[in-house]
Amino acid sequence: MSAPLKIINLGLPKSGTTTLGEALKQAGLKVADWRIRQGQSENPKILRAFVGKLMYQGYFETGDPLALMPEFDAYTEIDIVRNGLNLWPQMDWALIDAIRQHHTGAKFILTHRDPAALSDSMQRWSNLGKTRLPNNAIPGLPEGYGATDAHRVRWINGHYSFVRRVFGSDSDFLEYDIADPDAPHKISAFLGVDLPWWGTANANPNTEAAE
């Protein structure tokens, strides 16, 4: 009997994470995107909880970062930097390794977006680029950095390099560019799942780029 499909996106906010989540949802998968929303789980203890916080709670309580969210197939935005929380599981080698150890066959995706375009979107998205990034100590982006495009682009490129180094050419890893028109086909082939929808979700105002 094969293990349940588990899909973890290691992309950064505004890199097409919501679009990926919507595509997987419309493919019939159960998706945890950023936080657990009303109606997504019958477990009242995790309702409205942030996915990143639940991952760390599961990791430190049981060793398995997905232990508190077993009903989900995919986890598409896993960081959180608001409400007093500053958690970036996609940048934590120990947490990534724990998922691989506890979930044989788990699939990891890196949603790639041109770093300059991604930085610009972060700057325009609520107060993410203006205050939340520079006012918090984030892996690779210490407190006091991140308010400029130059800082954010260096950090974004560093994250891409980290994920590529961790996974290399492993068969459980896919990196795709959100501007690639063949992206949905690559994702479908990688996961073995048909994607009936692909488009733009959670777009920034005044832009048509996928968020």
N, C-alpha and C. Protein backbone atom coordinates (compact mmCIF):
# COMPACT_ATOMS: atom_id res chain seq x y z
N MET A 1 0.85 -1.19 0.00
CA MET A 1 0.00 0.00 0.00
C MET A 1 0.88 1.25 0.00
N SER A 2 0.66 2.15 -0.95
CA SER A 2 1.49 3.35 -1.06
C SER A 2 1.12 4.36 0.01
N ALA A 3 2.12 5.18 0.38
CA ALA A 3 1.90 6.21 1.39
C ALA A 3 1.01 7.31 0.82
N PRO A 4 0.21 7.98 1.66
CA PRO A 4 -0.61 9.10 1.17
C PRO A 4 0.26 10.19 0.56
N LEU A 5 -0.25 10.81 -0.48
CA LEU A 5 0.48 11.89 -1.14
C LEU A 5 0.60 13.09 -0.20
N LYS A 6 1.82 13.59 -0.06
CA LYS A 6 2.07 14.81 0.70
C LYS A 6 2.89 15.74 -0.18
N ILE A 7 2.41 16.98 -0.33
CA ILE A 7 3.05 17.96 -1.19
C ILE A 7 3.39 19.18 -0.35
N ILE A 8 4.64 19.57 -0.35
CA ILE A 8 5.07 20.73 0.44
C ILE A 8 5.72 21.73 -0.48
N ASN A 9 5.18 22.94 -0.52
CA ASN A 9 5.77 24.01 -1.32
C ASN A 9 6.75 24.80 -0.47
N LEU A 10 7.96 24.96 -0.98
CA LEU A 10 9.01 25.68 -0.27
C LEU A 10 9.21 27.09 -0.81
N GLY A 11 8.25 27.56 -1.60
CA GLY A 11 8.35 28.90 -2.17
C GLY A 11 8.11 30.00 -1.16
N LEU A 12 8.49 31.20 -1.54
CA LEU A 12 8.32 32.38 -0.70
C LEU A 12 6.96 33.04 -0.95
N PRO A 13 6.50 33.86 -0.02
CA PRO A 13 5.23 34.55 -0.26
C PRO A 13 5.28 35.41 -1.51
N LYS A 14 4.19 35.45 -2.23
CA LYS A 14 4.02 36.19 -3.48
C LYS A 14 4.74 35.54 -4.65
N SER A 15 5.05 34.24 -4.51
CA SER A 15 5.71 33.53 -5.62
C SER A 15 4.78 32.52 -6.27
N GLY A 16 3.48 32.79 -6.23
CA GLY A 16 2.53 31.88 -6.86
C GLY A 16 2.03 30.79 -5.93
N THR A 17 2.20 30.96 -4.63
CA THR A 17 1.79 29.92 -3.68
C THR A 17 0.28 29.71 -3.68
N THR A 18 -0.49 30.80 -3.74
CA THR A 18 -1.95 30.68 -3.72
C THR A 18 -2.46 30.07 -5.01
N THR A 19 -1.83 30.42 -6.13
CA THR A 19 -2.22 29.83 -7.41
C THR A 19 -2.00 28.33 -7.38
N LEU A 20 -0.85 27.90 -6.87
CA LEU A 20 -0.58 26.47 -6.76
C LEU A 20 -1.63 25.80 -5.86
N GLY A 21 -1.94 26.44 -4.74
CA GLY A 21 -2.93 25.87 -3.82
C GLY A 21 -4.29 25.73 -4.47
N GLU A 22 -4.71 26.74 -5.22
CA GLU A 22 -6.01 26.69 -5.89
C GLU A 22 -6.03 25.59 -6.96
N ALA A 23 -4.93 25.46 -7.70
CA ALA A 23 -4.86 24.43 -8.73
C ALA A 23 -4.96 23.04 -8.12
N LEU A 24 -4.27 22.82 -7.00
CA LEU A 24 -4.33 21.51 -6.35
C LEU A 24 -5.71 21.27 -5.73
N LYS A 25 -6.32 22.32 -5.22
CA LYS A 25 -7.66 22.20 -4.64
C LYS A 25 -8.67 21.79 -5.72
N GLN A 26 -8.56 22.43 -6.87
CA GLN A 26 -9.50 22.11 -7.95
C GLN A 26 -9.20 20.74 -8.57
N ALA A 27 -8.02 20.19 -8.25
CA ALA A 27 -7.69 18.84 -8.69
C ALA A 27 -8.22 17.80 -7.71
N GLY A 28 -8.88 18.27 -6.64
CA GLY A 28 -9.49 17.35 -5.68
C GLY A 28 -8.66 17.07 -4.45
N LEU A 29 -7.54 17.79 -4.30
CA LEU A 29 -6.70 17.58 -3.13
C LEU A 29 -7.11 18.51 -1.99
N LYS A 30 -6.82 18.11 -0.78
CA LYS A 30 -7.11 18.92 0.39
C LYS A 30 -5.87 19.76 0.70
N VAL A 31 -6.03 21.08 0.66
CA VAL A 31 -4.90 22.00 0.69
C VAL A 31 -4.92 22.89 1.93
N ALA A 32 -3.79 22.94 2.61
CA ALA A 32 -3.58 23.89 3.71
C ALA A 32 -2.72 25.02 3.16
N ASP A 33 -3.30 26.20 3.04
CA ASP A 33 -2.59 27.34 2.48
C ASP A 33 -2.54 28.47 3.51
N TRP A 34 -1.42 28.63 4.14
CA TRP A 34 -1.12 29.69 5.10
C TRP A 34 -1.78 29.48 6.46
N ARG A 35 -3.10 29.25 6.49
CA ARG A 35 -3.75 28.96 7.76
C ARG A 35 -4.91 27.99 7.52
N ILE A 36 -5.37 27.35 8.59
CA ILE A 36 -6.47 26.40 8.49
C ILE A 36 -7.77 27.18 8.64
N ARG A 37 -8.58 27.16 7.60
CA ARG A 37 -9.80 27.97 7.58
C ARG A 37 -11.02 27.17 7.99
N GLN A 38 -12.07 27.90 8.36
CA GLN A 38 -13.32 27.28 8.78
C GLN A 38 -13.80 26.29 7.73
N GLY A 39 -14.17 25.11 8.16
CA GLY A 39 -14.67 24.09 7.27
C GLY A 39 -13.61 23.18 6.68
N GLN A 40 -12.33 23.49 6.92
CA GLN A 40 -11.26 22.67 6.36
C GLN A 40 -10.90 21.47 7.23
N SER A 41 -11.19 21.56 8.51
CA SER A 41 -10.81 20.48 9.41
C SER A 41 -11.89 20.29 10.48
N GLU A 42 -12.07 19.05 10.88
CA GLU A 42 -13.01 18.76 11.96
C GLU A 42 -12.33 18.85 13.32
N ASN A 43 -11.05 19.14 13.32
CA ASN A 43 -10.31 19.28 14.58
C ASN A 43 -10.36 20.74 15.03
N PRO A 44 -11.14 21.06 16.05
CA PRO A 44 -11.27 22.46 16.47
C PRO A 44 -9.97 23.06 16.98
N LYS A 45 -9.02 22.22 17.37
CA LYS A 45 -7.77 22.73 17.93
C LYS A 45 -6.89 23.40 16.88
N ILE A 46 -7.11 23.10 15.61
CA ILE A 46 -6.23 23.70 14.60
C ILE A 46 -6.94 24.74 13.73
N LEU A 47 -8.23 24.96 13.94
CA LEU A 47 -8.96 25.95 13.14
C LEU A 47 -8.36 27.34 13.33
N ARG A 48 -8.13 28.01 12.23
CA ARG A 48 -7.55 29.35 12.16
C ARG A 48 -6.08 29.40 12.59
N ALA A 49 -5.50 28.26 12.87
CA ALA A 49 -4.08 28.23 13.20
C ALA A 49 -3.26 28.36 11.92
N PHE A 50 -2.07 28.93 12.03
CA PHE A 50 -1.20 29.09 10.87
C PHE A 50 -0.45 27.80 10.59
N VAL A 51 -0.32 27.47 9.31
CA VAL A 51 0.31 26.22 8.91
C VAL A 51 1.74 26.13 9.44
N GLY A 52 2.48 27.23 9.35
CA GLY A 52 3.86 27.22 9.83
C GLY A 52 3.96 26.94 11.32
N LYS A 53 3.05 27.52 12.09
CA LYS A 53 3.07 27.27 13.53
C LYS A 53 2.73 25.82 13.83
N LEU A 54 1.75 25.26 13.13
CA LEU A 54 1.38 23.86 13.33
C LEU A 54 2.52 22.93 12.95
N MET A 55 3.28 23.30 11.92
CA MET A 55 4.43 22.48 11.53
C MET A 55 5.46 22.43 12.65
N TYR A 56 5.77 23.58 13.23
CA TYR A 56 6.76 23.58 14.31
C TYR A 56 6.23 22.91 15.56
N GLN A 57 4.96 23.11 15.84
CA GLN A 57 4.36 22.45 17.00
C GLN A 57 4.42 20.93 16.84
N GLY A 58 4.07 20.45 15.66
CA GLY A 58 4.13 19.01 15.41
C GLY A 58 5.56 18.49 15.48
N TYR A 59 6.49 19.26 14.94
CA TYR A 59 7.89 18.85 14.93
C TYR A 59 8.46 18.72 16.34
N PHE A 60 8.21 19.73 17.16
CA PHE A 60 8.80 19.70 18.50
C PHE A 60 8.05 18.79 19.47
N GLU A 61 6.77 18.54 19.21
CA GLU A 61 6.01 17.66 20.10
C GLU A 61 6.13 16.19 19.73
N THR A 62 6.27 15.91 18.43
CA THR A 62 6.26 14.51 17.98
C THR A 62 7.43 14.12 17.09
N GLY A 63 8.12 15.11 16.54
CA GLY A 63 9.17 14.84 15.56
C GLY A 63 8.67 14.94 14.13
N ASP A 64 7.34 14.91 13.93
CA ASP A 64 6.74 14.96 12.60
C ASP A 64 6.07 16.32 12.39
N PRO A 65 6.59 17.14 11.48
CA PRO A 65 6.01 18.47 11.27
C PRO A 65 4.57 18.45 10.76
N LEU A 66 4.12 17.33 10.21
CA LEU A 66 2.76 17.26 9.67
C LEU A 66 1.81 16.52 10.60
N ALA A 67 2.26 16.20 11.80
CA ALA A 67 1.46 15.36 12.71
C ALA A 67 0.13 15.97 13.08
N LEU A 68 0.04 17.30 13.17
CA LEU A 68 -1.20 17.95 13.60
C LEU A 68 -2.13 18.25 12.45
N MET A 69 -1.69 17.97 11.21
CA MET A 69 -2.51 18.26 10.02
C MET A 69 -2.54 17.04 9.10
N PRO A 70 -2.83 15.85 9.62
CA PRO A 70 -2.71 14.64 8.79
C PRO A 70 -3.73 14.55 7.67
N GLU A 71 -4.85 15.29 7.77
CA GLU A 71 -5.89 15.17 6.76
C GLU A 71 -5.58 15.90 5.47
N PHE A 72 -4.53 16.73 5.46
CA PHE A 72 -4.21 17.52 4.27
C PHE A 72 -3.24 16.79 3.35
N ASP A 73 -3.43 17.03 2.05
CA ASP A 73 -2.55 16.45 1.04
C ASP A 73 -1.42 17.41 0.67
N ALA A 74 -1.70 18.71 0.73
CA ALA A 74 -0.74 19.71 0.26
C ALA A 74 -0.67 20.88 1.22
N TYR A 75 0.52 21.45 1.32
CA TYR A 75 0.80 22.59 2.20
C TYR A 75 1.50 23.61 1.31
N THR A 76 0.77 24.66 0.90
CA THR A 76 1.27 25.47 -0.21
C THR A 76 1.87 26.82 0.18
N GLU A 77 1.48 27.39 1.31
CA GLU A 77 2.25 28.51 1.86
C GLU A 77 2.43 28.23 3.34
N ILE A 78 3.69 28.09 3.75
CA ILE A 78 3.95 27.56 5.09
C ILE A 78 4.62 28.57 6.02
N ASP A 79 5.01 29.73 5.50
CA ASP A 79 5.63 30.73 6.38
C ASP A 79 4.56 31.60 7.00
N ILE A 80 4.93 32.28 8.08
CA ILE A 80 4.05 33.26 8.71
C ILE A 80 4.91 34.32 9.38
N VAL A 81 4.65 35.60 9.05
CA VAL A 81 5.35 36.69 9.71
C VAL A 81 4.33 37.79 10.01
N ARG A 82 3.53 37.53 11.04
CA ARG A 82 2.53 38.48 11.52
C ARG A 82 1.93 37.92 12.79
N ASN A 83 1.13 38.73 13.47
CA ASN A 83 0.47 38.31 14.72
C ASN A 83 1.48 37.80 15.75
N GLY A 84 2.65 38.39 15.77
CA GLY A 84 3.68 37.99 16.72
C GLY A 84 4.43 36.73 16.34
N LEU A 85 4.13 36.17 15.17
CA LEU A 85 4.80 34.95 14.72
C LEU A 85 5.80 35.29 13.61
N ASN A 86 6.91 34.56 13.57
CA ASN A 86 7.93 34.75 12.56
C ASN A 86 8.55 33.39 12.29
N LEU A 87 7.88 32.61 11.43
CA LEU A 87 8.25 31.21 11.22
C LEU A 87 8.41 30.93 9.73
N TRP A 88 9.54 30.28 9.37
CA TRP A 88 9.87 30.03 7.97
C TRP A 88 10.33 28.58 7.81
N PRO A 89 9.40 27.63 7.84
CA PRO A 89 9.78 26.22 7.74
C PRO A 89 10.53 25.87 6.46
N GLN A 90 10.26 26.59 5.36
CA GLN A 90 10.92 26.28 4.10
C GLN A 90 12.40 26.61 4.11
N MET A 91 12.87 27.26 5.17
CA MET A 91 14.28 27.60 5.29
C MET A 91 14.98 26.79 6.38
N ASP A 92 14.30 25.79 6.91
CA ASP A 92 14.80 25.03 8.06
C ASP A 92 15.14 23.61 7.61
N TRP A 93 16.42 23.32 7.50
CA TRP A 93 16.86 22.00 7.04
C TRP A 93 16.32 20.89 7.93
N ALA A 94 16.37 21.06 9.24
CA ALA A 94 15.94 20.00 10.15
C ALA A 94 14.46 19.68 9.95
N LEU A 95 13.64 20.70 9.75
CA LEU A 95 12.22 20.47 9.57
C LEU A 95 11.94 19.79 8.23
N ILE A 96 12.61 20.26 7.17
CA ILE A 96 12.45 19.62 5.86
C ILE A 96 12.85 18.15 5.93
N ASP A 97 13.98 17.88 6.57
CA ASP A 97 14.46 16.51 6.70
C ASP A 97 13.49 15.65 7.50
N ALA A 98 12.89 16.24 8.54
CA ALA A 98 11.92 15.48 9.35
C ALA A 98 10.70 15.08 8.52
N ILE A 99 10.24 15.97 7.64
CA ILE A 99 9.12 15.61 6.77
C ILE A 99 9.51 14.45 5.87
N ARG A 100 10.71 14.51 5.31
CA ARG A 100 11.17 13.43 4.42
C ARG A 100 11.28 12.11 5.18
N GLN A 101 11.73 12.17 6.42
CA GLN A 101 11.89 10.95 7.21
C GLN A 101 10.56 10.33 7.61
N HIS A 102 9.57 11.17 7.91
CA HIS A 102 8.28 10.67 8.40
C HIS A 102 7.27 10.39 7.27
N HIS A 103 7.53 10.92 6.09
CA HIS A 103 6.55 10.78 5.00
C HIS A 103 7.26 10.33 3.72
N THR A 104 7.46 9.04 3.64
CA THR A 104 8.11 8.48 2.46
C THR A 104 7.33 8.84 1.20
N GLY A 105 8.05 9.35 0.22
CA GLY A 105 7.40 9.72 -1.04
C GLY A 105 6.85 11.12 -1.06
N ALA A 106 7.03 11.90 0.02
CA ALA A 106 6.57 13.29 0.02
C ALA A 106 7.21 14.05 -1.15
N LYS A 107 6.44 14.93 -1.74
CA LYS A 107 6.90 15.70 -2.89
C LYS A 107 7.13 17.16 -2.48
N PHE A 108 8.25 17.70 -2.87
CA PHE A 108 8.60 19.08 -2.53
C PHE A 108 8.67 19.92 -3.80
N ILE A 109 8.07 21.10 -3.72
CA ILE A 109 8.00 22.01 -4.86
C ILE A 109 8.61 23.35 -4.46
N LEU A 110 9.33 23.95 -5.39
CA LEU A 110 9.80 25.32 -5.21
C LEU A 110 9.16 26.17 -6.29
N THR A 111 8.23 27.03 -5.89
CA THR A 111 7.64 27.98 -6.82
C THR A 111 8.64 29.11 -7.04
N HIS A 112 9.16 29.20 -8.23
CA HIS A 112 10.19 30.19 -8.55
C HIS A 112 9.56 31.37 -9.29
N ARG A 113 9.93 32.55 -8.87
CA ARG A 113 9.52 33.78 -9.57
C ARG A 113 10.74 34.66 -9.72
N ASP A 114 10.85 35.35 -10.83
CA ASP A 114 11.98 36.25 -11.03
C ASP A 114 12.20 37.09 -9.77
N PRO A 115 13.41 37.08 -9.21
CA PRO A 115 13.64 37.75 -7.92
C PRO A 115 13.25 39.22 -7.90
N ALA A 116 13.54 39.96 -8.98
CA ALA A 116 13.17 41.38 -9.01
C ALA A 116 11.66 41.55 -8.99
N ALA A 117 10.95 40.74 -9.75
CA ALA A 117 9.48 40.81 -9.76
C ALA A 117 8.90 40.38 -8.43
N LEU A 118 9.50 39.37 -7.82
CA LEU A 118 9.03 38.90 -6.52
C LEU A 118 9.25 39.97 -5.45
N SER A 119 10.41 40.59 -5.45
CA SER A 119 10.69 41.66 -4.50
C SER A 119 9.71 42.81 -4.64
N ASP A 120 9.42 43.19 -5.89
CA ASP A 120 8.47 44.26 -6.14
C ASP A 120 7.08 43.91 -5.61
N SER A 121 6.67 42.66 -5.80
CA SER A 121 5.35 42.24 -5.32
C SER A 121 5.30 42.25 -3.80
N MET A 122 6.39 41.82 -3.16
CA MET A 122 6.46 41.87 -1.70
C MET A 122 6.33 43.30 -1.20
N GLN A 123 6.96 44.23 -1.90
CA GLN A 123 6.91 45.63 -1.48
C GLN A 123 5.49 46.19 -1.56
N ARG A 124 4.73 45.73 -2.54
CA ARG A 124 3.39 46.25 -2.75
C ARG A 124 2.31 45.49 -1.98
N TRP A 125 2.66 44.36 -1.37
CA TRP A 125 1.67 43.53 -0.72
C TRP A 125 1.51 43.94 0.75
N SER A 126 0.43 44.64 1.06
CA SER A 126 0.16 45.05 2.44
C SER A 126 1.42 45.71 3.00
N ASN A 127 1.83 45.32 4.20
CA ASN A 127 3.05 45.89 4.79
C ASN A 127 4.19 44.88 4.82
N LEU A 128 4.11 43.86 3.95
CA LEU A 128 5.11 42.80 3.97
C LEU A 128 6.52 43.34 3.73
N GLY A 129 6.72 44.06 2.61
CA GLY A 129 8.05 44.56 2.31
C GLY A 129 8.42 45.81 3.08
N LYS A 130 7.41 46.58 3.47
CA LYS A 130 7.69 47.85 4.13
C LYS A 130 8.10 47.68 5.59
N THR A 131 7.42 46.77 6.32
CA THR A 131 7.71 46.65 7.75
C THR A 131 7.94 45.22 8.23
N ARG A 132 7.12 44.28 7.77
CA ARG A 132 7.21 42.93 8.35
C ARG A 132 8.54 42.25 8.07
N LEU A 133 9.04 42.37 6.84
CA LEU A 133 10.34 41.76 6.55
C LEU A 133 11.49 42.48 7.27
N PRO A 134 11.62 43.81 7.13
CA PRO A 134 12.76 44.46 7.79
C PRO A 134 12.68 44.50 9.31
N ASN A 135 11.50 44.34 9.88
CA ASN A 135 11.36 44.44 11.34
C ASN A 135 11.46 43.11 12.06
N ASN A 136 11.73 42.04 11.32
CA ASN A 136 11.84 40.72 11.93
C ASN A 136 13.15 40.05 11.53
N ALA A 137 13.67 39.22 12.41
CA ALA A 137 14.88 38.45 12.11
C ALA A 137 14.46 37.17 11.40
N ILE A 138 14.62 37.16 10.08
CA ILE A 138 14.21 36.05 9.23
C ILE A 138 15.47 35.32 8.78
N PRO A 139 15.43 34.01 8.65
CA PRO A 139 16.62 33.30 8.18
C PRO A 139 17.15 33.90 6.88
N GLY A 140 18.39 34.32 6.89
CA GLY A 140 19.01 34.93 5.72
C GLY A 140 18.72 36.41 5.57
N LEU A 141 17.87 36.95 6.41
CA LEU A 141 17.48 38.36 6.33
C LEU A 141 17.35 38.90 7.76
N PRO A 142 18.47 39.23 8.41
CA PRO A 142 18.42 39.68 9.80
C PRO A 142 17.58 40.95 9.97
N GLU A 143 17.12 41.16 11.18
CA GLU A 143 16.34 42.36 11.47
C GLU A 143 17.10 43.61 11.05
N GLY A 144 16.39 44.51 10.39
CA GLY A 144 17.02 45.72 9.89
C GLY A 144 17.33 45.66 8.40
N TYR A 145 17.20 44.48 7.82
CA TYR A 145 17.42 44.30 6.38
C TYR A 145 16.10 43.87 5.73
N GLY A 146 15.98 44.15 4.45
CA GLY A 146 14.79 43.71 3.73
C GLY A 146 13.87 44.83 3.29
N ALA A 147 14.22 46.08 3.59
CA ALA A 147 13.35 47.19 3.21
C ALA A 147 13.60 47.67 1.78
N THR A 148 14.68 47.18 1.16
CA THR A 148 15.00 47.61 -0.20
C THR A 148 14.97 46.42 -1.15
N ASP A 149 14.81 46.72 -2.44
CA ASP A 149 14.84 45.66 -3.44
C ASP A 149 16.17 44.92 -3.41
N ALA A 150 17.26 45.65 -3.26
CA ALA A 150 18.58 45.01 -3.27
C ALA A 150 18.69 43.97 -2.16
N HIS A 151 18.21 44.31 -0.97
CA HIS A 151 18.24 43.36 0.15
C HIS A 151 17.37 42.15 -0.14
N ARG A 152 16.15 42.42 -0.59
CA ARG A 152 15.21 41.31 -0.80
C ARG A 152 15.66 40.40 -1.93
N VAL A 153 16.17 40.96 -3.01
CA VAL A 153 16.62 40.13 -4.13
C VAL A 153 17.77 39.22 -3.69
N ARG A 154 18.70 39.74 -2.90
CA ARG A 154 19.81 38.91 -2.40
C ARG A 154 19.27 37.78 -1.53
N TRP A 155 18.30 38.10 -0.69
CA TRP A 155 17.69 37.08 0.19
C TRP A 155 16.93 36.04 -0.62
N ILE A 156 16.17 36.48 -1.60
CA ILE A 156 15.40 35.55 -2.45
C ILE A 156 16.34 34.59 -3.17
N ASN A 157 17.39 35.13 -3.77
CA ASN A 157 18.35 34.29 -4.47
C ASN A 157 19.03 33.31 -3.52
N GLY A 158 19.28 33.76 -2.30
CA GLY A 158 19.87 32.87 -1.30
C GLY A 158 18.96 31.72 -0.96
N HIS A 159 17.66 31.99 -0.87
CA HIS A 159 16.72 30.91 -0.57
C HIS A 159 16.66 29.91 -1.72
N TYR A 160 16.62 30.40 -2.95
CA TYR A 160 16.61 29.49 -4.09
C TYR A 160 17.86 28.60 -4.06
N SER A 161 19.01 29.19 -3.77
CA SER A 161 20.25 28.42 -3.73
C SER A 161 20.22 27.37 -2.63
N PHE A 162 19.65 27.73 -1.48
CA PHE A 162 19.55 26.79 -0.36
C PHE A 162 18.71 25.58 -0.74
N VAL A 163 17.53 25.82 -1.31
CA VAL A 163 16.65 24.71 -1.65
C VAL A 163 17.28 23.82 -2.72
N ARG A 164 17.92 24.44 -3.71
CA ARG A 164 18.58 23.64 -4.76
C ARG A 164 19.70 22.80 -4.19
N ARG A 165 20.43 23.33 -3.24
CA ARG A 165 21.52 22.57 -2.63
C ARG A 165 20.98 21.42 -1.79
N VAL A 166 19.88 21.64 -1.08
CA VAL A 166 19.28 20.59 -0.26
C VAL A 166 18.80 19.43 -1.11
N PHE A 167 18.13 19.73 -2.23
CA PHE A 167 17.50 18.67 -3.02
C PHE A 167 18.30 18.22 -4.24
N GLY A 168 19.10 19.11 -4.82
CA GLY A 168 19.85 18.73 -6.00
C GLY A 168 18.93 18.19 -7.08
N SER A 169 19.26 17.01 -7.60
CA SER A 169 18.45 16.40 -8.66
C SER A 169 17.53 15.31 -8.13
N ASP A 170 17.21 15.35 -6.84
CA ASP A 170 16.37 14.32 -6.24
C ASP A 170 15.02 14.24 -6.95
N SER A 171 14.51 13.02 -7.07
CA SER A 171 13.25 12.79 -7.79
C SER A 171 12.03 13.30 -7.03
N ASP A 172 12.18 13.63 -5.75
CA ASP A 172 11.05 14.12 -4.96
C ASP A 172 10.95 15.65 -4.98
N PHE A 173 11.70 16.29 -5.88
CA PHE A 173 11.76 17.75 -5.91
C PHE A 173 11.48 18.28 -7.31
N LEU A 174 10.66 19.35 -7.36
CA LEU A 174 10.40 20.06 -8.61
C LEU A 174 10.50 21.56 -8.37
N GLU A 175 11.27 22.23 -9.19
CA GLU A 175 11.27 23.69 -9.23
C GLU A 175 10.64 24.11 -10.55
N TYR A 176 9.69 25.03 -10.49
CA TYR A 176 9.12 25.56 -11.73
C TYR A 176 8.99 27.07 -11.63
N ASP A 177 9.09 27.71 -12.78
CA ASP A 177 8.94 29.16 -12.86
C ASP A 177 7.47 29.47 -13.11
N ILE A 178 6.91 30.38 -12.33
CA ILE A 178 5.48 30.67 -12.46
C ILE A 178 5.15 31.34 -13.80
N ALA A 179 6.17 31.88 -14.49
CA ALA A 179 5.94 32.49 -15.79
C ALA A 179 6.03 31.47 -16.93
N ASP A 180 6.38 30.25 -16.63
CA ASP A 180 6.53 29.21 -17.64
C ASP A 180 5.14 28.70 -18.04
N PRO A 181 4.75 28.84 -19.31
CA PRO A 181 3.42 28.37 -19.71
C PRO A 181 3.26 26.86 -19.58
N ASP A 182 4.37 26.15 -19.48
CA ASP A 182 4.31 24.69 -19.34
C ASP A 182 4.28 24.26 -17.88
N ALA A 183 4.24 25.24 -16.95
CA ALA A 183 4.28 24.91 -15.52
C ALA A 183 3.22 23.92 -15.09
N PRO A 184 1.95 24.10 -15.45
CA PRO A 184 0.94 23.14 -14.98
C PRO A 184 1.19 21.72 -15.47
N HIS A 185 1.74 21.59 -16.66
CA HIS A 185 2.04 20.25 -17.18
C HIS A 185 3.19 19.61 -16.41
N LYS A 186 4.18 20.43 -16.05
CA LYS A 186 5.31 19.92 -15.26
C LYS A 186 4.84 19.48 -13.88
N ILE A 187 3.97 20.27 -13.28
CA ILE A 187 3.46 19.93 -11.95
C ILE A 187 2.62 18.66 -12.02
N SER A 188 1.77 18.58 -13.02
CA SER A 188 0.91 17.41 -13.18
C SER A 188 1.73 16.14 -13.35
N ALA A 189 2.78 16.20 -14.18
CA ALA A 189 3.62 15.03 -14.41
C ALA A 189 4.39 14.66 -13.14
N PHE A 190 4.84 15.65 -12.42
CA PHE A 190 5.61 15.42 -11.19
C PHE A 190 4.77 14.75 -10.12
N LEU A 191 3.54 15.21 -9.98
CA LEU A 191 2.67 14.71 -8.91
C LEU A 191 1.83 13.50 -9.34
N GLY A 192 1.69 13.32 -10.64
CA GLY A 192 0.78 12.28 -11.11
C GLY A 192 -0.67 12.65 -10.88
N VAL A 193 -0.95 13.96 -10.97
CA VAL A 193 -2.29 14.48 -10.71
C VAL A 193 -2.71 15.39 -11.87
N ASP A 194 -3.89 15.20 -12.40
CA ASP A 194 -4.40 16.09 -13.45
C ASP A 194 -4.82 17.42 -12.84
N LEU A 195 -4.43 18.52 -13.46
CA LEU A 195 -4.80 19.85 -12.99
C LEU A 195 -5.84 20.44 -13.95
N PRO A 196 -7.10 20.48 -13.55
CA PRO A 196 -8.15 21.01 -14.44
C PRO A 196 -8.15 22.53 -14.53
N TRP A 197 -7.44 23.21 -13.61
CA TRP A 197 -7.43 24.68 -13.59
C TRP A 197 -6.02 25.18 -13.40
N TRP A 198 -5.72 26.28 -14.09
CA TRP A 198 -4.46 27.01 -13.86
C TRP A 198 -4.71 28.45 -14.22
N GLY A 199 -4.37 29.36 -13.35
CA GLY A 199 -4.63 30.77 -13.62
C GLY A 199 -3.89 31.66 -12.66
N THR A 200 -4.55 32.68 -12.15
CA THR A 200 -3.97 33.64 -11.23
C THR A 200 -4.86 33.76 -10.01
N ALA A 201 -4.29 33.52 -8.84
CA ALA A 201 -5.04 33.66 -7.60
C ALA A 201 -4.27 34.58 -6.65
N ASN A 202 -5.01 35.39 -5.89
CA ASN A 202 -4.40 36.28 -4.89
C ASN A 202 -3.42 37.27 -5.52
N ALA A 203 -3.80 37.83 -6.66
CA ALA A 203 -2.92 38.76 -7.36
C ALA A 203 -2.85 40.10 -6.63
N ASN A 204 -1.71 40.74 -6.76
CA ASN A 204 -1.53 42.10 -6.25
C ASN A 204 -2.39 43.06 -7.05
N PRO A 205 -2.85 44.16 -6.46
CA PRO A 205 -3.57 45.17 -7.24
C PRO A 205 -2.70 45.70 -8.39
N ASN A 206 -3.34 45.99 -9.52
CA ASN A 206 -2.67 46.61 -10.67
C ASN A 206 -1.60 45.73 -11.29
N THR A 207 -1.76 44.42 -11.18
CA THR A 207 -0.81 43.51 -11.85
C THR A 207 -1.54 42.26 -12.25
N GLU A 208 -1.09 41.63 -13.30
CA GLU A 208 -1.70 40.40 -13.75
C GLU A 208 -0.81 39.21 -13.44
N ALA A 209 0.32 39.44 -12.79
CA ALA A 209 1.23 38.34 -12.50
C ALA A 209 0.62 37.42 -11.45
N ALA A 210 0.87 36.15 -11.57
CA ALA A 210 0.37 35.18 -10.58
C ALA A 210 1.04 35.41 -9.25
N GLU A 211 0.22 35.36 -8.21
CA GLU A 211 0.75 35.54 -6.87
C GLU A 211 0.63 34.24 -6.08
